[in-house]
N, C-alpha and C. Protein backbone atom coordinates (compact mmCIF):
# COMPACT_ATOMS: atom_id res chain seq x y z
N UNK A 1 0.84 -1.18 0.00
CA UNK A 1 0.00 0.00 0.00
C UNK A 1 0.89 1.24 0.00
N UNK A 2 0.59 2.19 -0.87
CA UNK A 2 1.39 3.41 -0.96
C UNK A 2 1.06 4.35 0.19
N UNK A 3 1.91 5.37 0.38
CA UNK A 3 1.65 6.36 1.42
C UNK A 3 0.35 7.09 1.14
N UNK A 4 0.06 7.36 -0.13
CA UNK A 4 -1.17 8.05 -0.48
C UNK A 4 -2.37 7.19 -0.11
N UNK A 5 -2.28 5.87 -0.31
CA UNK A 5 -3.36 4.97 0.09
C UNK A 5 -3.55 5.01 1.60
N UNK A 6 -2.45 5.05 2.36
CA UNK A 6 -2.56 5.13 3.81
C UNK A 6 -3.31 6.39 4.23
N UNK A 7 -3.01 7.52 3.60
CA UNK A 7 -3.68 8.76 3.94
C UNK A 7 -5.14 8.70 3.57
N UNK A 8 -5.44 8.18 2.39
CA UNK A 8 -6.82 8.12 1.95
C UNK A 8 -7.65 7.27 2.90
N UNK A 9 -7.07 6.22 3.45
CA UNK A 9 -7.82 5.37 4.35
C UNK A 9 -8.02 6.00 5.71
N UNK A 10 -7.32 7.12 6.00
CA UNK A 10 -7.48 7.79 7.27
C UNK A 10 -8.82 8.52 7.35
N UNK A 11 -9.44 8.83 6.20
CA UNK A 11 -10.73 9.49 6.18
C UNK A 11 -11.78 8.42 5.94
N UNK A 12 -12.64 8.18 6.95
CA UNK A 12 -13.60 7.10 6.84
C UNK A 12 -14.99 7.54 7.26
N UNK A 13 -16.00 7.08 6.53
CA UNK A 13 -17.36 7.34 6.98
C UNK A 13 -17.68 6.41 8.15
N UNK A 14 -18.25 6.95 9.22
CA UNK A 14 -18.57 6.14 10.39
C UNK A 14 -19.82 5.32 10.14
N UNK A 15 -20.82 5.93 9.54
CA UNK A 15 -22.08 5.23 9.26
C UNK A 15 -22.27 5.09 7.78
N UNK A 16 -23.39 4.56 7.39
CA UNK A 16 -23.64 4.36 5.97
C UNK A 16 -24.82 5.20 5.49
N UNK A 17 -25.28 6.16 6.29
CA UNK A 17 -26.47 6.93 5.95
C UNK A 17 -26.25 8.01 4.92
N UNK A 18 -25.02 8.44 4.71
CA UNK A 18 -24.76 9.48 3.73
C UNK A 18 -24.60 8.87 2.35
N UNK A 19 -25.09 9.55 1.33
CA UNK A 19 -24.88 9.05 -0.04
C UNK A 19 -23.39 9.02 -0.37
N UNK A 20 -23.00 8.07 -1.20
CA UNK A 20 -21.59 7.91 -1.56
C UNK A 20 -21.00 9.20 -2.13
N UNK A 21 -21.76 9.90 -2.96
CA UNK A 21 -21.27 11.15 -3.54
C UNK A 21 -21.00 12.20 -2.48
N UNK A 22 -21.84 12.24 -1.44
CA UNK A 22 -21.65 13.20 -0.36
C UNK A 22 -20.42 12.84 0.47
N UNK A 23 -20.19 11.57 0.69
CA UNK A 23 -18.99 11.13 1.42
C UNK A 23 -17.74 11.51 0.63
N UNK A 24 -17.77 11.29 -0.67
CA UNK A 24 -16.62 11.65 -1.52
C UNK A 24 -16.37 13.15 -1.48
N UNK A 25 -17.43 13.95 -1.58
CA UNK A 25 -17.28 15.41 -1.54
C UNK A 25 -16.71 15.86 -0.20
N UNK A 26 -17.28 15.35 0.88
CA UNK A 26 -16.78 15.71 2.21
C UNK A 26 -15.32 15.31 2.38
N UNK A 27 -14.98 14.10 1.93
CA UNK A 27 -13.61 13.63 2.04
C UNK A 27 -12.66 14.56 1.30
N UNK A 28 -12.98 14.89 0.06
CA UNK A 28 -12.13 15.80 -0.72
C UNK A 28 -12.02 17.16 -0.06
N UNK A 29 -13.15 17.67 0.44
CA UNK A 29 -13.15 18.99 1.07
C UNK A 29 -12.37 18.98 2.38
N UNK A 30 -12.48 17.90 3.15
CA UNK A 30 -11.73 17.79 4.40
C UNK A 30 -10.24 17.77 4.13
N UNK A 31 -9.82 16.96 3.16
CA UNK A 31 -8.40 16.91 2.83
C UNK A 31 -7.91 18.28 2.36
N UNK A 32 -8.69 18.94 1.52
CA UNK A 32 -8.30 20.28 1.04
C UNK A 32 -8.18 21.25 2.22
N UNK A 33 -9.11 21.18 3.17
CA UNK A 33 -9.05 22.06 4.33
C UNK A 33 -7.83 21.76 5.19
N UNK A 34 -7.54 20.48 5.39
CA UNK A 34 -6.37 20.10 6.19
C UNK A 34 -5.08 20.58 5.54
N UNK A 35 -5.07 20.65 4.22
CA UNK A 35 -3.88 21.10 3.50
C UNK A 35 -3.66 22.61 3.61
N UNK A 36 -4.60 23.32 4.24
CA UNK A 36 -4.41 24.76 4.46
C UNK A 36 -3.77 25.05 5.82
N UNK A 37 -3.57 24.01 6.63
CA UNK A 37 -3.01 24.19 7.97
C UNK A 37 -1.55 23.78 7.94
N UNK A 38 -0.69 24.69 8.42
CA UNK A 38 0.75 24.48 8.42
C UNK A 38 1.30 24.64 9.81
N UNK A 39 2.31 23.85 10.13
CA UNK A 39 3.13 24.12 11.30
C UNK A 39 4.00 25.31 10.90
N UNK A 40 3.98 26.40 11.66
CA UNK A 40 4.73 27.59 11.24
C UNK A 40 6.23 27.37 11.06
N UNK A 41 6.77 26.32 11.66
CA UNK A 41 8.21 26.07 11.55
C UNK A 41 8.56 25.17 10.37
N UNK A 42 7.54 24.59 9.72
CA UNK A 42 7.79 23.64 8.63
C UNK A 42 6.95 24.07 7.42
N UNK A 43 7.56 24.25 6.26
CA UNK A 43 6.82 24.76 5.09
C UNK A 43 6.03 23.67 4.35
N UNK A 44 5.39 22.77 5.09
CA UNK A 44 4.59 21.69 4.50
C UNK A 44 3.31 21.59 5.33
N UNK A 45 2.18 21.35 4.66
CA UNK A 45 0.92 21.26 5.39
C UNK A 45 0.86 20.00 6.25
N UNK A 46 -0.02 20.02 7.23
CA UNK A 46 -0.09 18.94 8.21
C UNK A 46 -0.57 17.62 7.60
N UNK A 47 -1.34 17.68 6.52
CA UNK A 47 -1.81 16.46 5.86
C UNK A 47 -0.63 15.75 5.19
N UNK A 48 0.16 16.49 4.43
CA UNK A 48 1.30 15.90 3.73
C UNK A 48 2.39 15.46 4.72
N UNK A 49 2.47 16.14 5.87
CA UNK A 49 3.44 15.73 6.90
C UNK A 49 3.03 14.41 7.56
N UNK A 50 1.78 14.01 7.40
CA UNK A 50 1.31 12.78 8.01
C UNK A 50 0.88 12.97 9.46
N UNK A 51 0.50 14.18 9.82
CA UNK A 51 0.09 14.45 11.20
C UNK A 51 -1.37 14.08 11.46
N UNK A 52 -2.12 13.79 10.40
CA UNK A 52 -3.51 13.37 10.56
C UNK A 52 -3.57 11.85 10.58
N UNK A 53 -4.02 11.31 11.70
CA UNK A 53 -4.07 9.85 11.86
C UNK A 53 -5.43 9.27 11.50
N UNK A 54 -6.50 10.01 11.79
CA UNK A 54 -7.83 9.47 11.54
C UNK A 54 -8.81 10.62 11.38
N UNK A 55 -9.72 10.46 10.40
CA UNK A 55 -10.82 11.39 10.23
C UNK A 55 -12.08 10.55 10.04
N UNK A 56 -13.04 10.71 10.94
CA UNK A 56 -14.31 10.00 10.84
C UNK A 56 -15.41 10.98 10.48
N UNK A 57 -16.27 10.57 9.56
CA UNK A 57 -17.41 11.37 9.14
C UNK A 57 -18.67 10.61 9.59
N UNK A 58 -19.44 11.22 10.49
CA UNK A 58 -20.66 10.56 10.95
C UNK A 58 -21.82 10.86 10.01
N UNK A 59 -22.89 10.10 10.16
CA UNK A 59 -24.08 10.30 9.34
C UNK A 59 -24.65 11.70 9.48
N UNK A 60 -24.45 12.33 10.63
CA UNK A 60 -24.99 13.68 10.82
C UNK A 60 -23.94 14.76 10.51
N UNK A 61 -22.90 14.35 9.79
CA UNK A 61 -21.84 15.25 9.30
C UNK A 61 -21.01 15.87 10.42
N UNK A 62 -20.92 15.16 11.52
CA UNK A 62 -19.99 15.52 12.59
C UNK A 62 -18.64 14.89 12.21
N UNK A 63 -17.58 15.65 12.32
CA UNK A 63 -16.25 15.19 11.92
C UNK A 63 -15.40 15.04 13.18
N UNK A 64 -14.76 13.88 13.32
CA UNK A 64 -13.82 13.67 14.42
C UNK A 64 -12.45 13.36 13.83
N UNK A 65 -11.46 14.08 14.32
CA UNK A 65 -10.11 13.99 13.77
C UNK A 65 -9.13 13.64 14.88
N UNK A 66 -8.30 12.62 14.64
CA UNK A 66 -7.16 12.33 15.51
C UNK A 66 -5.93 12.85 14.79
N UNK A 67 -5.16 13.67 15.47
CA UNK A 67 -3.94 14.20 14.87
C UNK A 67 -2.82 14.17 15.90
N UNK A 68 -1.63 14.37 15.41
CA UNK A 68 -0.47 14.40 16.29
C UNK A 68 0.40 15.59 15.90
N UNK A 69 1.55 15.67 16.50
CA UNK A 69 2.53 16.72 16.21
C UNK A 69 3.85 16.05 15.86
N UNK A 70 4.73 16.79 15.21
CA UNK A 70 6.03 16.22 14.89
C UNK A 70 6.83 15.96 16.16
N UNK A 71 6.54 16.74 17.21
CA UNK A 71 7.19 16.54 18.51
C UNK A 71 6.22 17.01 19.59
N UNK A 72 6.13 16.28 20.71
CA UNK A 72 5.18 16.67 21.76
C UNK A 72 5.41 18.09 22.29
N UNK A 73 6.63 18.59 22.22
CA UNK A 73 6.93 19.93 22.72
C UNK A 73 6.75 21.03 21.69
N UNK A 74 6.03 20.75 20.62
CA UNK A 74 5.82 21.73 19.55
C UNK A 74 5.25 23.02 20.13
N UNK A 75 5.82 24.18 19.77
CA UNK A 75 5.37 25.45 20.34
C UNK A 75 3.91 25.80 20.04
N UNK A 76 3.33 25.25 18.98
CA UNK A 76 1.95 25.56 18.63
C UNK A 76 0.99 24.43 19.01
N UNK A 77 1.42 23.54 19.89
CA UNK A 77 0.60 22.39 20.29
C UNK A 77 -0.77 22.80 20.79
N UNK A 78 -0.85 23.88 21.53
CA UNK A 78 -2.13 24.32 22.05
C UNK A 78 -3.01 25.00 21.03
N UNK A 79 -2.41 25.52 19.95
CA UNK A 79 -3.16 26.26 18.94
C UNK A 79 -3.56 25.43 17.73
N UNK A 80 -2.73 24.47 17.35
CA UNK A 80 -2.96 23.75 16.10
C UNK A 80 -4.31 23.02 16.05
N UNK A 81 -4.76 22.37 17.12
CA UNK A 81 -6.09 21.74 17.03
C UNK A 81 -7.19 22.75 16.69
N UNK A 82 -7.09 23.95 17.20
CA UNK A 82 -8.06 25.00 16.87
C UNK A 82 -7.99 25.40 15.41
N UNK A 83 -6.78 25.45 14.86
CA UNK A 83 -6.61 25.75 13.43
C UNK A 83 -7.28 24.68 12.58
N UNK A 84 -7.07 23.42 12.97
CA UNK A 84 -7.67 22.30 12.23
C UNK A 84 -9.19 22.37 12.34
N UNK A 85 -9.69 22.59 13.55
CA UNK A 85 -11.14 22.69 13.74
C UNK A 85 -11.72 23.82 12.90
N UNK A 86 -11.07 24.95 12.89
CA UNK A 86 -11.55 26.09 12.11
C UNK A 86 -11.57 25.80 10.61
N UNK A 87 -10.51 25.17 10.12
CA UNK A 87 -10.42 24.88 8.68
C UNK A 87 -11.52 23.90 8.26
N UNK A 88 -11.72 22.84 9.03
CA UNK A 88 -12.70 21.82 8.66
C UNK A 88 -14.12 22.31 8.93
N UNK A 89 -14.31 23.12 9.95
CA UNK A 89 -15.64 23.66 10.25
C UNK A 89 -16.18 24.54 9.13
N UNK A 90 -15.30 25.11 8.33
CA UNK A 90 -15.73 26.02 7.27
C UNK A 90 -16.30 25.28 6.05
N UNK A 91 -16.22 23.96 6.04
CA UNK A 91 -16.70 23.18 4.90
C UNK A 91 -18.23 23.15 4.90
N UNK A 92 -18.80 23.38 3.74
CA UNK A 92 -20.26 23.35 3.59
C UNK A 92 -20.81 22.00 4.04
N UNK A 93 -21.79 22.04 4.90
CA UNK A 93 -22.47 20.82 5.35
C UNK A 93 -21.92 20.22 6.62
N UNK A 94 -20.72 20.61 7.04
CA UNK A 94 -20.14 20.06 8.27
C UNK A 94 -20.90 20.67 9.46
N UNK A 95 -21.37 19.81 10.35
CA UNK A 95 -22.17 20.26 11.49
C UNK A 95 -21.33 20.51 12.74
N UNK A 96 -20.19 19.88 12.85
CA UNK A 96 -19.32 20.08 14.00
C UNK A 96 -18.02 19.34 13.80
N UNK A 97 -17.00 19.77 14.53
CA UNK A 97 -15.67 19.16 14.40
C UNK A 97 -15.09 18.97 15.79
N UNK A 98 -14.57 17.78 16.03
CA UNK A 98 -13.85 17.49 17.28
C UNK A 98 -12.45 17.04 16.89
N UNK A 99 -11.44 17.69 17.46
CA UNK A 99 -10.05 17.35 17.16
C UNK A 99 -9.42 16.77 18.42
N UNK A 100 -8.89 15.56 18.30
CA UNK A 100 -8.20 14.88 19.40
C UNK A 100 -6.71 14.89 19.13
N UNK A 101 -5.93 15.34 20.09
CA UNK A 101 -4.47 15.29 19.97
C UNK A 101 -4.02 13.94 20.55
N UNK A 102 -3.32 13.16 19.74
CA UNK A 102 -2.84 11.85 20.16
C UNK A 102 -1.34 11.75 19.91
N UNK A 103 -0.68 10.93 20.67
CA UNK A 103 0.77 10.75 20.49
C UNK A 103 1.14 9.28 20.37
N UNK A 104 0.15 8.43 20.14
CA UNK A 104 0.40 7.01 19.97
C UNK A 104 -0.31 6.56 18.71
N UNK A 105 0.41 6.14 17.70
CA UNK A 105 1.86 5.98 17.68
C UNK A 105 2.54 7.33 17.49
N UNK A 106 3.78 7.43 17.97
CA UNK A 106 4.52 8.67 17.77
C UNK A 106 4.74 8.92 16.28
N UNK A 107 4.70 10.20 15.90
CA UNK A 107 4.95 10.55 14.52
C UNK A 107 6.41 10.29 14.18
N UNK A 108 6.66 9.85 12.95
CA UNK A 108 8.02 9.77 12.43
C UNK A 108 7.99 10.13 10.95
N UNK A 109 9.14 10.32 10.38
CA UNK A 109 9.25 10.81 9.00
C UNK A 109 8.67 9.85 7.97
N UNK A 110 8.49 8.60 8.31
CA UNK A 110 7.92 7.65 7.35
C UNK A 110 6.47 7.99 7.02
N UNK A 111 5.81 8.80 7.82
CA UNK A 111 4.41 9.18 7.59
C UNK A 111 4.28 10.30 6.55
N UNK A 112 5.39 10.94 6.19
CA UNK A 112 5.34 12.05 5.23
C UNK A 112 5.10 11.54 3.82
N UNK A 113 4.38 12.34 3.04
CA UNK A 113 4.18 12.03 1.63
C UNK A 113 5.45 12.34 0.85
N UNK A 114 5.50 11.86 -0.37
CA UNK A 114 6.63 12.18 -1.25
C UNK A 114 6.70 13.69 -1.48
N UNK A 115 5.54 14.33 -1.58
CA UNK A 115 5.50 15.78 -1.76
C UNK A 115 6.19 16.49 -0.60
N UNK A 116 5.92 16.03 0.62
CA UNK A 116 6.55 16.64 1.80
C UNK A 116 8.05 16.39 1.80
N UNK A 117 8.46 15.19 1.41
CA UNK A 117 9.89 14.87 1.37
C UNK A 117 10.63 15.78 0.39
N UNK A 118 10.01 16.02 -0.77
CA UNK A 118 10.62 16.90 -1.77
C UNK A 118 10.71 18.32 -1.22
N UNK A 119 9.63 18.82 -0.63
CA UNK A 119 9.60 20.19 -0.11
C UNK A 119 10.65 20.39 0.99
N UNK A 120 10.91 19.34 1.77
CA UNK A 120 11.85 19.44 2.88
C UNK A 120 13.23 18.90 2.52
N UNK A 121 13.39 18.47 1.26
CA UNK A 121 14.66 17.91 0.79
C UNK A 121 15.14 16.77 1.72
N UNK A 122 14.21 15.84 1.96
CA UNK A 122 14.50 14.72 2.86
C UNK A 122 14.45 13.39 2.13
N UNK A 123 15.25 13.23 1.15
CA UNK A 123 15.29 11.97 0.39
C UNK A 123 16.32 11.09 0.93
C-alpha cells in the first residue's frame, strides 16, 4: 500500500447513511481544508506531513479527527487543534468538528508524503 493509500484510508465514513457522492465530496473537502493548515516552523501542510491519523465522518456530518505533532513539545501544540477545527468547520455541510491530539503511535518521518519529502529535501 502506498503512502497516499494510507492517507486516503485515514478518512472514513462512520455510518452508511450518507450518499456515496456526499462522502466523496466531504472527504475531498476535508483533505483540502487540512492542507491549508501548516506548522509555522515547517513549510509543508499537516496532511502531507502525516500528522492526521484518523478522520471519521458521521451520518450527521460531525467530523472527528485524531492528529499528532512532529514533537510533543511543539510550540503551537495548544493552537494547532483549533486551526484544524476552524479549517474543517468552514466546509459546507459540516455540522461540527472534534479534534483529538494523540501521540500514539509517535509521529516519524515515514508518515510524510513524497510531496513533503521533496519540499523538505528529505530523500
